[in-house]
Amino acid sequence: MSTDGYTSLVDLPNEMARVAMIVEQALEVLLPDTDGAEGRLAEAMRYATLGGGKRLRAFLVMESASLFAVSETCAARVAASVEMLHAYSLAHDDLPAMDNDDMRRGKPSTHRAFDEATAILAGDALQCRAFEILAEHDTHSDSLARCELVAALGAAAGAKGMAGGQMIDMLAEGQVLDGPAVTRLQALKTGRLIQYSAEAGAILGRAPSHQRHLLAAYGRDLGAAFQIADDLLDVEGETAEIGKTVGKDAAAGKATMVSVLGVERARAHADMLAQQAASHLDGFGPRAANLRALAAFVVARRN
């Protein structure tokens, strides 16, 4: 994927690492160790969330918020809440009743490190904590902004978002789905939370509706490109490199754009979506250089 003049000088790896450190520090504070009988639950919550992953969703929150001069401290709280929500979904997805994966982010998945019941409870508690953080005054002084963040995350994560997409994914195993059906599945399961993450900065910044819609469109197309790249890594990647088991999609009969289009056409489609995502940012000029660079990164990554 080609880059424009805005992205050519961006040092995206360093920017992502810087943001990941900020969000990791916020997560450490927002997910403290707990004494007492519930301490094992707190330990599992921290295990599922801390010290791993690309923090892509967090980066989207932080970068979109920076377009509107939002306080980095406030943005980091929202970014941390998204990472908690994402971590909950991974802990549950890895369970034997779902995707049955023993490895996540290069280490044993939560139910393997603890047990299935603890992994379920840790996911439940992480989801609750994510919404609790959004509702707190420290996240934003405007109660309407906090309500919009809660409502938008609920929509992205619920039956018409991530959870609904996971249900469709499970029902589709062994089925032959066409391109539009796979696109909808992936838009719900993966894309909606990525779209929310891009849109959250505009909500925090009380941006006008047209700018919020542009960031939502960027997140939608970025999420679609990201998922196709993930599907390609499942076919072409190495377990040690990507930090989770490869080849599981084909073995489980999962419906993916790679199974529909083949490797080369799927890669070309991901590149097209990444370029389309970047085009939604034209009106933001050089301020959105990191977000444009991220669009190129998601389709070129190796983990």
Protein backbone atom coordinates (compact mmCIF):
# COMPACT_ATOMS: atom_id res chain seq x y z
CA MET A 1 0.00 0.00 0.00
CA SER A 2 1.40 3.41 -0.95
CA THR A 3 1.80 6.24 1.54
CA ASP A 4 1.33 9.96 1.04
CA GLY A 5 3.44 12.91 2.11
CA TYR A 6 1.79 13.00 5.51
CA THR A 7 2.79 9.45 6.44
CA SER A 8 6.26 9.26 4.93
CA LEU A 9 7.95 10.80 7.99
CA VAL A 10 5.84 9.04 10.64
CA ASP A 11 7.68 6.68 12.99
CA LEU A 12 4.68 4.50 13.69
CA PRO A 13 6.40 1.74 15.72
CA ASN A 14 7.75 4.29 18.19
CA GLU A 15 4.41 6.10 18.38
CA MET A 16 2.56 2.84 19.03
CA ALA A 17 5.11 1.84 21.66
CA ARG A 18 4.78 5.24 23.37
CA VAL A 19 0.99 5.01 23.46
CA ALA A 20 1.10 1.37 24.60
CA MET A 21 3.27 2.41 27.57
CA ILE A 22 0.82 5.15 28.55
CA VAL A 23 -2.15 2.81 28.32
CA GLU A 24 -0.29 0.04 30.17
CA GLN A 25 0.31 2.45 33.03
CA ALA A 26 -3.38 3.38 33.06
CA LEU A 27 -4.35 -0.30 33.10
CA GLU A 28 -2.01 -0.95 36.05
CA VAL A 29 -3.82 1.75 38.02
CA LEU A 30 -7.33 0.82 36.91
CA LEU A 31 -6.85 -2.93 37.51
CA PRO A 32 -5.13 -3.04 40.91
CA ASP A 33 -4.15 -6.19 42.78
CA THR A 34 -6.78 -7.18 45.32
CA ASP A 35 -6.36 -8.91 48.67
CA GLY A 36 -8.88 -11.34 50.03
CA ALA A 37 -10.84 -14.20 48.53
CA GLU A 38 -11.44 -12.36 45.25
CA GLY A 39 -7.72 -11.82 44.73
CA ARG A 40 -7.51 -14.71 42.26
CA LEU A 41 -10.11 -12.99 40.09
CA ALA A 42 -8.13 -9.73 40.08
CA GLU A 43 -5.00 -11.70 39.18
CA ALA A 44 -6.77 -13.35 36.24
CA MET A 45 -8.13 -9.98 35.04
CA ARG A 46 -4.63 -8.53 35.06
CA TYR A 47 -3.19 -11.62 33.38
CA ALA A 48 -5.71 -11.38 30.54
CA THR A 49 -5.16 -7.67 30.00
CA LEU A 50 -1.65 -6.54 30.94
CA GLY A 51 1.64 -6.93 29.12
CA GLY A 52 0.60 -8.05 25.68
CA GLY A 53 -0.95 -7.26 22.34
CA LYS A 54 -0.48 -4.47 19.83
CA ARG A 55 -2.84 -2.09 21.69
CA LEU A 56 -4.29 -1.23 18.29
CA ARG A 57 -7.67 -0.23 19.69
CA ALA A 58 -6.05 1.85 22.41
CA PHE A 59 -3.88 3.58 19.81
CA LEU A 60 -6.99 4.43 17.80
CA VAL A 61 -8.64 6.01 20.84
CA MET A 62 -5.55 8.03 21.73
CA GLU A 63 -4.86 9.20 18.18
CA SER A 64 -8.46 10.11 17.36
CA ALA A 65 -8.69 12.00 20.66
CA SER A 66 -5.52 13.92 19.83
CA LEU A 67 -7.22 15.34 16.73
CA PHE A 68 -9.46 17.31 19.10
CA ALA A 69 -6.87 18.22 21.76
CA VAL A 70 -8.42 15.88 24.34
CA SER A 71 -6.49 15.45 27.58
CA GLU A 72 -4.15 12.47 27.24
CA THR A 73 -5.12 11.32 30.74
CA CYS A 74 -8.82 11.19 29.83
CA ALA A 75 -8.12 9.52 26.50
CA ALA A 76 -5.95 6.90 28.23
CA ARG A 77 -8.84 5.95 30.50
CA VAL A 78 -11.08 5.33 27.49
CA ALA A 79 -8.26 3.48 25.73
CA ALA A 80 -7.79 1.29 28.82
CA SER A 81 -11.51 0.52 28.97
CA VAL A 82 -11.47 -0.63 25.33
CA GLU A 83 -8.49 -2.88 26.04
CA MET A 84 -10.37 -4.41 28.99
CA LEU A 85 -13.38 -5.06 26.79
CA HIS A 86 -11.13 -6.59 24.14
CA ALA A 87 -9.32 -8.73 26.73
CA TYR A 88 -12.64 -10.05 28.02
CA SER A 89 -13.61 -11.09 24.50
CA LEU A 90 -10.30 -12.92 23.99
CA ALA A 91 -10.53 -14.74 27.32
CA HIS A 92 -14.00 -15.97 26.38
CA ASP A 93 -13.19 -16.69 22.72
CA ASP A 94 -10.31 -18.96 23.78
CA LEU A 95 -12.56 -21.16 25.95
CA PRO A 96 -13.20 -24.78 24.86
CA ALA A 97 -16.86 -23.91 24.24
CA MET A 98 -15.81 -21.24 21.73
CA ASP A 99 -12.56 -21.28 19.71
CA ASN A 100 -10.76 -23.67 22.08
CA ASP A 101 -7.32 -22.06 21.89
CA ASP A 102 -4.56 -22.79 24.39
CA MET A 103 -2.33 -19.86 23.42
CA ARG A 104 -2.84 -16.10 23.31
CA ARG A 105 -0.27 -13.33 22.91
CA GLY A 106 2.56 -15.83 23.15
CA LYS A 107 1.52 -17.29 26.51
CA PRO A 108 -1.11 -19.73 27.80
CA SER A 109 -4.64 -18.42 27.34
CA THR A 110 -6.45 -17.35 30.50
CA HIS A 111 -8.37 -20.58 31.04
CA ARG A 112 -5.12 -22.53 30.70
CA ALA A 113 -3.21 -20.30 33.10
CA PHE A 114 -6.06 -20.45 35.64
CA ASP A 115 -9.16 -22.54 34.87
CA GLU A 116 -12.31 -22.23 32.78
CA ALA A 117 -14.53 -20.86 35.55
CA THR A 118 -11.96 -18.21 36.50
CA ALA A 119 -11.51 -17.21 32.85
CA ILE A 120 -15.27 -16.74 32.49
CA LEU A 121 -15.48 -14.65 35.65
CA ALA A 122 -12.42 -12.61 34.68
CA GLY A 123 -14.03 -11.81 31.32
CA ASP A 124 -17.30 -10.87 32.99
CA ALA A 125 -15.53 -8.60 35.46
CA LEU A 126 -13.38 -6.95 32.77
CA GLN A 127 -16.48 -6.12 30.77
CA CYS A 128 -18.12 -4.56 33.82
CA ARG A 129 -14.99 -2.60 34.70
CA ALA A 130 -14.76 -1.20 31.16
CA PHE A 131 -18.21 0.39 31.42
CA GLU A 132 -17.61 1.50 35.01
CA ILE A 133 -14.55 3.49 33.89
CA LEU A 134 -16.47 5.21 31.10
CA ALA A 135 -19.16 6.29 33.55
CA GLU A 136 -16.72 7.85 36.03
CA HIS A 137 -16.30 11.63 36.20
CA ASP A 138 -12.53 11.38 35.71
CA THR A 139 -13.13 10.14 32.16
CA HIS A 140 -14.97 13.31 31.09
CA SER A 141 -16.50 16.25 32.91
CA ASP A 142 -19.52 16.23 30.56
CA SER A 143 -22.07 13.60 31.60
CA LEU A 144 -23.48 13.53 28.05
CA ALA A 145 -20.08 12.56 26.66
CA ARG A 146 -19.82 9.77 29.23
CA CYS A 147 -23.30 8.51 28.33
CA GLU A 148 -22.44 8.54 24.61
CA LEU A 149 -19.26 6.56 25.26
CA VAL A 150 -21.17 3.96 27.29
CA ALA A 151 -23.95 3.66 24.70
CA ALA A 152 -21.52 3.42 21.77
CA LEU A 153 -19.38 0.75 23.44
CA GLY A 154 -22.48 -1.21 24.42
CA ALA A 155 -23.67 -1.19 20.82
CA ALA A 156 -20.24 -2.23 19.54
CA ALA A 157 -19.90 -5.10 22.00
CA GLY A 158 -23.44 -6.49 22.14
CA ALA A 159 -25.80 -8.62 20.09
CA LYS A 160 -25.55 -6.29 17.07
CA GLY A 161 -21.79 -6.04 17.43
CA MET A 162 -18.99 -8.23 18.74
CA ALA A 163 -21.12 -10.83 20.56
CA GLY A 164 -23.48 -11.14 17.61
CA GLY A 165 -20.54 -11.61 15.27
CA GLN A 166 -19.13 -14.36 17.49
CA MET A 167 -22.50 -16.14 17.40
CA ILE A 168 -22.59 -15.97 13.59
CA ASP A 169 -18.99 -17.18 13.45
CA MET A 170 -19.80 -20.24 15.55
CA LEU A 171 -22.92 -21.06 13.53
CA ALA A 172 -20.97 -20.66 10.28
CA GLU A 173 -18.39 -23.33 11.06
CA GLY A 174 -18.49 -25.90 8.29
CA GLN A 175 -20.85 -23.73 6.24
CA VAL A 176 -20.08 -22.10 2.90
CA LEU A 177 -20.65 -18.35 3.15
CA ASP A 178 -20.39 -15.86 0.30
CA GLY A 179 -18.38 -12.62 0.42
CA PRO A 180 -21.16 -10.35 1.73
CA ALA A 181 -22.01 -12.80 4.52
CA VAL A 182 -18.38 -13.07 5.61
CA THR A 183 -18.02 -9.29 5.44
CA ARG A 184 -21.00 -8.84 7.77
CA LEU A 185 -19.73 -11.50 10.17
CA GLN A 186 -16.34 -9.87 10.43
CA ALA A 187 -17.76 -6.34 10.60
CA LEU A 188 -19.65 -7.37 13.73
CA LYS A 189 -17.11 -9.64 15.40
CA THR A 190 -13.99 -7.51 14.84
CA GLY A 191 -14.88 -4.33 13.02
CA ARG A 192 -17.40 -2.78 15.38
CA LEU A 193 -14.99 -2.49 18.31
CA ILE A 194 -12.27 -1.06 16.06
CA GLN A 195 -14.82 1.39 14.64
CA TYR A 196 -15.82 2.41 18.17
CA SER A 197 -12.17 2.95 19.10
CA ALA A 198 -11.69 5.37 16.20
CA GLU A 199 -14.96 7.16 16.95
CA ALA A 200 -14.34 7.43 20.71
CA GLY A 201 -11.86 10.28 20.30
CA ALA A 202 -14.48 12.33 18.49
CA ILE A 203 -16.98 11.65 21.28
CA LEU A 204 -14.42 12.72 23.87
CA GLY A 205 -13.63 15.84 21.85
CA ARG A 206 -17.33 16.74 21.35
CA ALA A 207 -16.56 16.87 17.63
CA PRO A 208 -19.21 17.81 15.06
CA SER A 209 -21.19 14.89 13.66
CA HIS A 210 -19.54 14.92 10.23
CA GLN A 211 -16.08 14.44 11.77
CA ARG A 212 -17.38 11.70 14.02
CA HIS A 213 -18.85 9.95 10.96
CA LEU A 214 -15.55 10.24 9.06
CA LEU A 215 -13.66 8.59 11.92
CA ALA A 216 -16.32 5.89 12.19
CA ALA A 217 -15.96 5.19 8.46
CA TYR A 218 -12.19 5.06 8.84
CA GLY A 219 -12.54 2.58 11.72
CA ARG A 220 -15.03 0.45 9.79
CA ASP A 221 -12.73 0.04 6.78
CA LEU A 222 -9.64 -0.33 8.96
CA GLY A 223 -11.36 -3.10 10.93
CA ALA A 224 -12.26 -4.97 7.73
CA ALA A 225 -8.66 -4.71 6.46
CA PHE A 226 -7.31 -5.79 9.85
CA GLN A 227 -9.45 -8.93 9.94
CA ILE A 228 -8.47 -10.01 6.44
CA ALA A 229 -4.81 -9.53 7.39
CA ASP A 230 -5.48 -11.69 10.47
CA ASP A 231 -7.01 -14.38 8.24
CA LEU A 232 -3.94 -14.25 6.00
CA LEU A 233 -1.65 -14.66 9.00
CA ASP A 234 -3.62 -17.74 10.06
CA VAL A 235 -2.76 -19.24 6.66
CA GLU A 236 0.78 -17.94 6.18
CA GLY A 237 2.07 -17.03 9.64
CA GLU A 238 4.14 -18.87 12.23
CA THR A 239 2.80 -19.59 15.72
CA ALA A 240 5.97 -18.28 17.40
CA GLU A 241 5.76 -15.04 15.43
CA ILE A 242 2.09 -14.19 15.83
CA GLY A 243 1.69 -15.49 19.39
CA LYS A 244 -1.33 -17.74 18.81
CA THR A 245 -2.06 -21.03 17.10
CA VAL A 246 -2.07 -20.83 13.29
CA GLY A 247 -4.09 -22.91 10.86
CA LYS A 248 -7.10 -23.11 13.15
CA ASP A 249 -9.51 -21.32 10.80
CA ALA A 250 -9.20 -23.89 8.03
CA ALA A 251 -9.16 -26.80 10.49
CA ALA A 252 -12.39 -25.57 12.09
CA GLY A 253 -14.07 -24.79 8.77
CA LYS A 254 -14.23 -21.07 9.59
CA ALA A 255 -15.66 -18.67 7.04
CA THR A 256 -13.03 -16.07 6.08
CA MET A 257 -12.33 -13.79 3.13
CA VAL A 258 -9.30 -15.98 2.38
CA SER A 259 -11.56 -19.01 2.01
CA VAL A 260 -13.87 -17.00 -0.25
CA LEU A 261 -11.33 -15.10 -2.38
CA GLY A 262 -8.09 -17.02 -2.05
CA VAL A 263 -4.85 -15.61 -0.69
CA GLU A 264 -3.88 -13.15 -3.42
CA ARG A 265 -7.32 -11.65 -3.99
CA ALA A 266 -7.88 -11.39 -0.23
CA ARG A 267 -4.58 -9.52 0.14
CA ALA A 268 -5.53 -7.14 -2.67
CA HIS A 269 -8.93 -6.56 -1.05
CA ALA A 270 -7.29 -5.76 2.30
CA ASP A 271 -4.98 -3.24 0.58
CA MET A 272 -7.97 -1.59 -1.08
CA LEU A 273 -9.81 -1.32 2.24
CA ALA A 274 -6.73 0.18 3.93
CA GLN A 275 -6.43 2.84 1.23
CA GLN A 276 -10.14 3.55 1.51
CA ALA A 277 -9.81 3.91 5.28
CA ALA A 278 -7.00 6.44 4.87
CA SER A 279 -9.05 8.45 2.37
CA HIS A 280 -11.66 9.20 5.05
CA LEU A 281 -9.00 11.22 6.88
CA ASP A 282 -8.28 13.69 4.07
CA GLY A 283 -10.07 16.52 5.85
CA PHE A 284 -7.87 16.20 8.94
CA GLY A 285 -4.65 16.97 7.06
CA PRO A 286 -1.26 16.22 8.65
CA ARG A 287 -2.78 15.83 12.13
CA ALA A 288 -4.03 12.37 11.06
CA ALA A 289 -0.66 11.15 9.73
CA ASN A 290 -0.37 8.45 12.41
CA LEU A 291 -3.84 7.13 11.64
CA ARG A 292 -3.02 7.01 7.91
CA ALA A 293 0.20 5.15 8.66
CA LEU A 294 -1.77 2.71 10.80
CA ALA A 295 -3.91 1.80 7.79
CA ALA A 296 -0.77 0.72 5.94
CA PHE A 297 0.55 -1.07 9.02
CA VAL A 298 -2.49 -3.31 9.59
CA VAL A 299 -2.15 -4.96 6.19
CA ALA A 300 1.66 -5.27 6.27
CA ARG A 301 2.04 -6.63 9.83
CA ARG A 302 3.48 -10.08 10.59
CA ASN A 303 1.83 -10.60 13.96
